N, C-alpha and C. Protein backbone atom coordinates (compact mmCIF):
# COMPACT_ATOMS: atom_id res chain seq x y z
N MET A 1 -0.61 -26.46 0.83
CA MET A 1 -1.05 -25.98 -0.44
C MET A 1 -0.22 -26.37 -1.59
N ASN A 2 -0.94 -26.45 -2.71
CA ASN A 2 -0.25 -26.70 -3.99
C ASN A 2 0.94 -25.71 -4.26
N LYS A 3 2.07 -26.08 -4.52
CA LYS A 3 3.25 -25.24 -4.92
C LYS A 3 3.00 -24.23 -5.93
N ASP A 4 2.38 -24.78 -7.12
CA ASP A 4 2.03 -23.84 -8.10
C ASP A 4 1.17 -22.80 -7.79
N ILE A 5 0.05 -23.13 -6.98
CA ILE A 5 -0.95 -22.12 -6.69
C ILE A 5 -0.15 -21.09 -5.82
N GLN A 6 0.54 -21.59 -4.78
CA GLN A 6 1.30 -20.62 -3.89
C GLN A 6 2.27 -19.80 -4.89
N LYS A 7 2.92 -20.36 -5.62
CA LYS A 7 3.87 -19.57 -6.59
C LYS A 7 3.14 -18.53 -7.32
N ASN A 8 2.02 -18.77 -7.88
CA ASN A 8 1.28 -17.84 -8.60
C ASN A 8 0.61 -16.75 -7.67
N ARG A 9 0.30 -17.18 -6.47
CA ARG A 9 -0.33 -16.23 -5.53
C ARG A 9 0.78 -15.22 -5.14
N ASP A 10 2.04 -15.71 -4.93
CA ASP A 10 3.14 -14.80 -4.62
C ASP A 10 3.40 -13.83 -5.81
N LYS A 11 3.37 -14.43 -6.89
CA LYS A 11 3.47 -13.56 -8.20
C LYS A 11 2.34 -12.34 -8.12
N ILE A 12 1.25 -12.76 -7.99
CA ILE A 12 0.10 -11.84 -7.98
C ILE A 12 0.29 -10.77 -6.77
N ASP A 13 0.75 -11.22 -5.63
CA ASP A 13 1.01 -10.33 -4.69
C ASP A 13 2.00 -9.23 -5.03
N ALA A 14 3.17 -9.78 -5.75
CA ALA A 14 4.14 -8.79 -6.20
C ALA A 14 3.56 -7.80 -7.26
N ILE A 15 2.73 -8.34 -8.03
CA ILE A 15 2.19 -7.56 -9.20
C ILE A 15 1.28 -6.46 -8.54
N ASP A 16 0.35 -6.90 -7.52
CA ASP A 16 -0.53 -6.13 -6.84
C ASP A 16 0.19 -4.80 -6.20
N ASN A 17 1.40 -5.07 -5.48
CA ASN A 17 2.18 -4.02 -5.04
C ASN A 17 2.60 -3.08 -6.03
N GLN A 18 2.95 -3.52 -7.26
CA GLN A 18 3.36 -2.67 -8.33
C GLN A 18 1.99 -1.83 -8.77
N ILE A 19 0.89 -2.44 -8.83
CA ILE A 19 -0.20 -1.73 -9.17
C ILE A 19 -0.68 -0.72 -8.28
N PHE A 20 -0.48 -1.10 -6.99
CA PHE A 20 -0.89 -0.19 -5.89
C PHE A 20 -0.06 1.16 -6.09
N GLU A 21 1.29 0.98 -6.23
CA GLU A 21 2.13 2.17 -6.45
C GLU A 21 1.71 2.97 -7.67
N LEU A 22 1.53 2.34 -8.71
CA LEU A 22 1.12 3.04 -9.94
C LEU A 22 -0.21 3.86 -9.79
N LEU A 23 -1.21 3.05 -9.17
CA LEU A 23 -2.46 3.80 -8.86
C LEU A 23 -2.20 5.01 -8.00
N ILE A 24 -1.45 5.03 -7.06
CA ILE A 24 -1.09 6.15 -6.20
C ILE A 24 -0.48 7.14 -7.06
N ASP A 25 0.47 6.95 -7.89
CA ASP A 25 1.11 7.78 -8.78
C ASP A 25 0.04 8.46 -9.66
N ARG A 26 -0.93 7.75 -10.09
CA ARG A 26 -1.97 8.28 -10.97
C ARG A 26 -2.94 9.11 -10.26
N LEU A 27 -3.31 8.74 -9.04
CA LEU A 27 -3.97 9.56 -8.03
C LEU A 27 -3.26 11.01 -7.89
N ASP A 28 -2.05 10.92 -7.75
CA ASP A 28 -1.40 12.18 -7.63
C ASP A 28 -1.58 13.16 -8.83
N ALA A 29 -1.41 12.56 -9.99
CA ALA A 29 -1.46 13.30 -11.15
C ALA A 29 -3.03 13.81 -11.35
N VAL A 30 -4.09 12.84 -10.97
CA VAL A 30 -5.51 13.31 -11.15
C VAL A 30 -5.68 14.51 -10.21
N THR A 31 -5.20 14.37 -9.00
CA THR A 31 -5.39 15.55 -8.12
C THR A 31 -4.83 16.82 -8.58
N THR A 32 -3.60 16.85 -9.21
CA THR A 32 -3.16 17.96 -9.85
C THR A 32 -3.99 18.52 -10.88
N ILE A 33 -4.49 17.71 -11.74
CA ILE A 33 -5.24 18.04 -12.93
C ILE A 33 -6.62 18.62 -12.44
N GLY A 34 -7.14 18.03 -11.23
CA GLY A 34 -8.41 18.50 -10.68
C GLY A 34 -8.19 20.01 -10.19
N TYR A 35 -7.10 20.30 -9.59
CA TYR A 35 -6.71 21.65 -9.08
C TYR A 35 -6.71 22.62 -10.37
N ILE A 36 -5.97 22.25 -11.36
CA ILE A 36 -5.88 22.93 -12.58
C ILE A 36 -7.25 23.23 -13.24
N LYS A 37 -8.01 22.25 -13.31
CA LYS A 37 -9.39 22.41 -13.91
C LYS A 37 -10.15 23.32 -13.11
N LYS A 38 -10.05 23.29 -11.90
CA LYS A 38 -10.82 24.27 -10.91
C LYS A 38 -10.40 25.63 -11.31
N GLU A 39 -9.27 25.84 -11.15
CA GLU A 39 -8.36 27.08 -11.48
C GLU A 39 -8.91 27.69 -12.69
N GLU A 40 -8.86 26.99 -13.76
CA GLU A 40 -9.15 27.36 -15.24
C GLU A 40 -10.76 27.30 -15.42
N GLY A 41 -11.46 26.85 -14.69
CA GLY A 41 -12.83 26.64 -14.89
C GLY A 41 -13.22 25.68 -15.87
N PHE A 42 -12.43 24.54 -15.98
CA PHE A 42 -12.71 23.51 -16.93
C PHE A 42 -13.68 22.52 -16.25
N PRO A 43 -14.54 21.87 -17.05
CA PRO A 43 -15.33 20.75 -16.51
C PRO A 43 -14.52 19.58 -16.07
N VAL A 44 -14.95 18.76 -15.15
CA VAL A 44 -14.25 17.64 -14.75
C VAL A 44 -14.26 16.52 -15.96
N LEU A 45 -15.54 16.41 -16.46
CA LEU A 45 -15.78 15.43 -17.60
C LEU A 45 -15.09 15.85 -18.77
N ASP A 46 -14.21 14.92 -19.36
CA ASP A 46 -13.55 15.13 -20.64
C ASP A 46 -13.82 13.90 -21.43
N GLN A 47 -14.84 13.79 -22.02
CA GLN A 47 -15.37 12.60 -22.75
C GLN A 47 -14.33 12.19 -23.75
N GLY A 48 -13.68 13.19 -24.43
CA GLY A 48 -12.68 12.88 -25.50
C GLY A 48 -11.55 12.10 -24.99
N ARG A 49 -11.18 12.50 -23.69
CA ARG A 49 -9.96 11.84 -22.94
C ARG A 49 -10.43 10.46 -22.58
N GLU A 50 -11.62 10.28 -22.08
CA GLU A 50 -12.11 8.94 -21.80
C GLU A 50 -12.05 7.97 -22.93
N ASN A 51 -12.64 8.54 -23.96
CA ASN A 51 -12.81 7.73 -25.27
C ASN A 51 -11.45 7.38 -25.80
N ALA A 52 -10.45 8.30 -25.69
CA ALA A 52 -9.11 8.04 -26.21
C ALA A 52 -8.54 6.90 -25.31
N ILE A 53 -8.71 6.71 -24.03
CA ILE A 53 -8.19 5.76 -23.22
C ILE A 53 -8.71 4.35 -23.61
N TYR A 54 -10.11 4.34 -23.81
CA TYR A 54 -10.71 3.12 -24.29
C TYR A 54 -10.31 2.71 -25.67
N ALA A 55 -10.14 3.57 -26.48
CA ALA A 55 -9.67 3.31 -27.85
C ALA A 55 -8.26 2.67 -27.85
N LYS A 56 -7.40 3.27 -26.92
CA LYS A 56 -5.98 2.81 -26.89
C LYS A 56 -6.07 1.43 -26.31
N ILE A 57 -6.97 0.98 -25.33
CA ILE A 57 -7.01 -0.30 -24.90
C ILE A 57 -7.46 -1.12 -25.96
N ASP A 58 -8.50 -0.79 -26.78
CA ASP A 58 -9.03 -1.59 -27.89
C ASP A 58 -7.91 -1.89 -28.93
N ALA A 59 -7.20 -0.88 -29.17
CA ALA A 59 -6.16 -1.07 -30.26
C ALA A 59 -4.86 -1.88 -29.77
N LYS A 60 -4.66 -1.98 -28.53
CA LYS A 60 -3.39 -2.58 -28.00
C LYS A 60 -3.57 -4.05 -27.49
N PHE A 61 -4.92 -4.37 -27.28
CA PHE A 61 -5.10 -5.71 -26.59
C PHE A 61 -6.13 -6.58 -27.39
N SER A 62 -6.17 -7.81 -27.03
CA SER A 62 -7.13 -8.58 -27.58
C SER A 62 -8.55 -8.23 -27.03
N ALA A 63 -9.56 -8.82 -27.66
CA ALA A 63 -11.02 -8.57 -27.21
C ALA A 63 -11.15 -9.01 -25.72
N ILE A 64 -10.65 -10.14 -25.31
CA ILE A 64 -10.83 -10.68 -23.91
C ILE A 64 -9.93 -9.66 -22.96
N GLU A 65 -8.81 -9.30 -23.32
CA GLU A 65 -7.92 -8.37 -22.55
C GLU A 65 -8.53 -7.06 -22.45
N ALA A 66 -8.99 -6.57 -23.59
CA ALA A 66 -9.58 -5.27 -23.64
C ALA A 66 -10.92 -5.21 -22.70
N ASP A 67 -11.71 -6.14 -22.78
CA ASP A 67 -12.92 -6.16 -21.93
C ASP A 67 -12.55 -6.25 -20.50
N PHE A 68 -11.55 -6.93 -20.08
CA PHE A 68 -10.99 -6.94 -18.67
C PHE A 68 -10.51 -5.60 -18.31
N LEU A 69 -9.74 -5.02 -19.17
CA LEU A 69 -9.13 -3.71 -18.73
C LEU A 69 -10.06 -2.76 -18.70
N LYS A 70 -11.03 -2.63 -19.70
CA LYS A 70 -12.01 -1.53 -19.73
C LYS A 70 -12.93 -1.65 -18.59
N ASN A 71 -13.33 -2.75 -18.09
CA ASN A 71 -14.02 -2.76 -16.84
C ASN A 71 -13.40 -2.24 -15.56
N ILE A 72 -12.11 -2.59 -15.56
CA ILE A 72 -11.27 -1.94 -14.47
C ILE A 72 -11.17 -0.40 -14.61
N TYR A 73 -10.87 -0.04 -15.91
CA TYR A 73 -10.58 1.50 -16.06
C TYR A 73 -12.10 2.33 -15.95
N GLN A 74 -13.11 1.64 -16.01
CA GLN A 74 -14.51 2.29 -15.86
C GLN A 74 -14.35 2.75 -14.37
N SER A 75 -13.97 1.94 -13.43
CA SER A 75 -13.74 2.20 -12.09
C SER A 75 -12.73 3.21 -11.69
N VAL A 76 -11.63 3.02 -12.38
CA VAL A 76 -10.38 3.78 -12.19
C VAL A 76 -10.97 5.46 -12.63
N ILE A 77 -11.48 5.51 -13.72
CA ILE A 77 -12.19 6.79 -14.26
C ILE A 77 -13.05 7.45 -13.50
N THR A 78 -13.97 6.59 -13.06
CA THR A 78 -15.01 7.12 -12.11
C THR A 78 -14.46 7.75 -10.87
N GLU A 79 -13.46 6.97 -10.29
CA GLU A 79 -12.93 7.38 -9.05
C GLU A 79 -12.03 8.66 -9.33
N SER A 80 -11.40 8.62 -10.50
CA SER A 80 -10.60 9.86 -10.86
C SER A 80 -11.46 11.12 -10.99
N LYS A 81 -12.63 11.05 -11.52
CA LYS A 81 -13.43 12.13 -11.59
C LYS A 81 -14.13 12.67 -10.21
N ARG A 82 -14.25 11.55 -9.51
CA ARG A 82 -14.83 11.92 -8.04
C ARG A 82 -13.61 12.70 -7.23
N VAL A 83 -12.38 12.28 -7.45
CA VAL A 83 -11.20 13.13 -6.91
C VAL A 83 -11.09 14.50 -7.43
N GLU A 84 -11.22 14.54 -8.72
CA GLU A 84 -11.11 15.90 -9.49
C GLU A 84 -12.29 16.83 -8.87
N GLU A 85 -13.51 16.36 -8.56
CA GLU A 85 -14.49 17.27 -8.14
C GLU A 85 -14.27 17.79 -6.72
N LYS A 86 -13.34 17.16 -6.03
CA LYS A 86 -13.24 17.62 -4.72
C LYS A 86 -12.41 18.85 -4.66
C-alpha cells in the first residue's frame, strides 16, 4: 500500500480513538442531563440549546467545515435526545 495512504489512515485511527472517548464522555453528560430533566419535569427537546450549538459551529468554521460538522451533530443530537428519553 502507498505509504502516504497508510500514514494518513494511521492518523485517522488515532483521531477516531480520541473521538470515541470524547463521545463516550458526552454520553455520560447527556445521561446525567436526562436524569435531571426527568426529575425536574423538563422536556427533552431544548431547541435553544440545539440552535446555539449550530450557531457556534457556523461562527467558528468555514462553510464547508460547518456543513460537515452540522451533519454529524444532527446525528449526535438525535442520539442524545434518544438517550435522554430513556
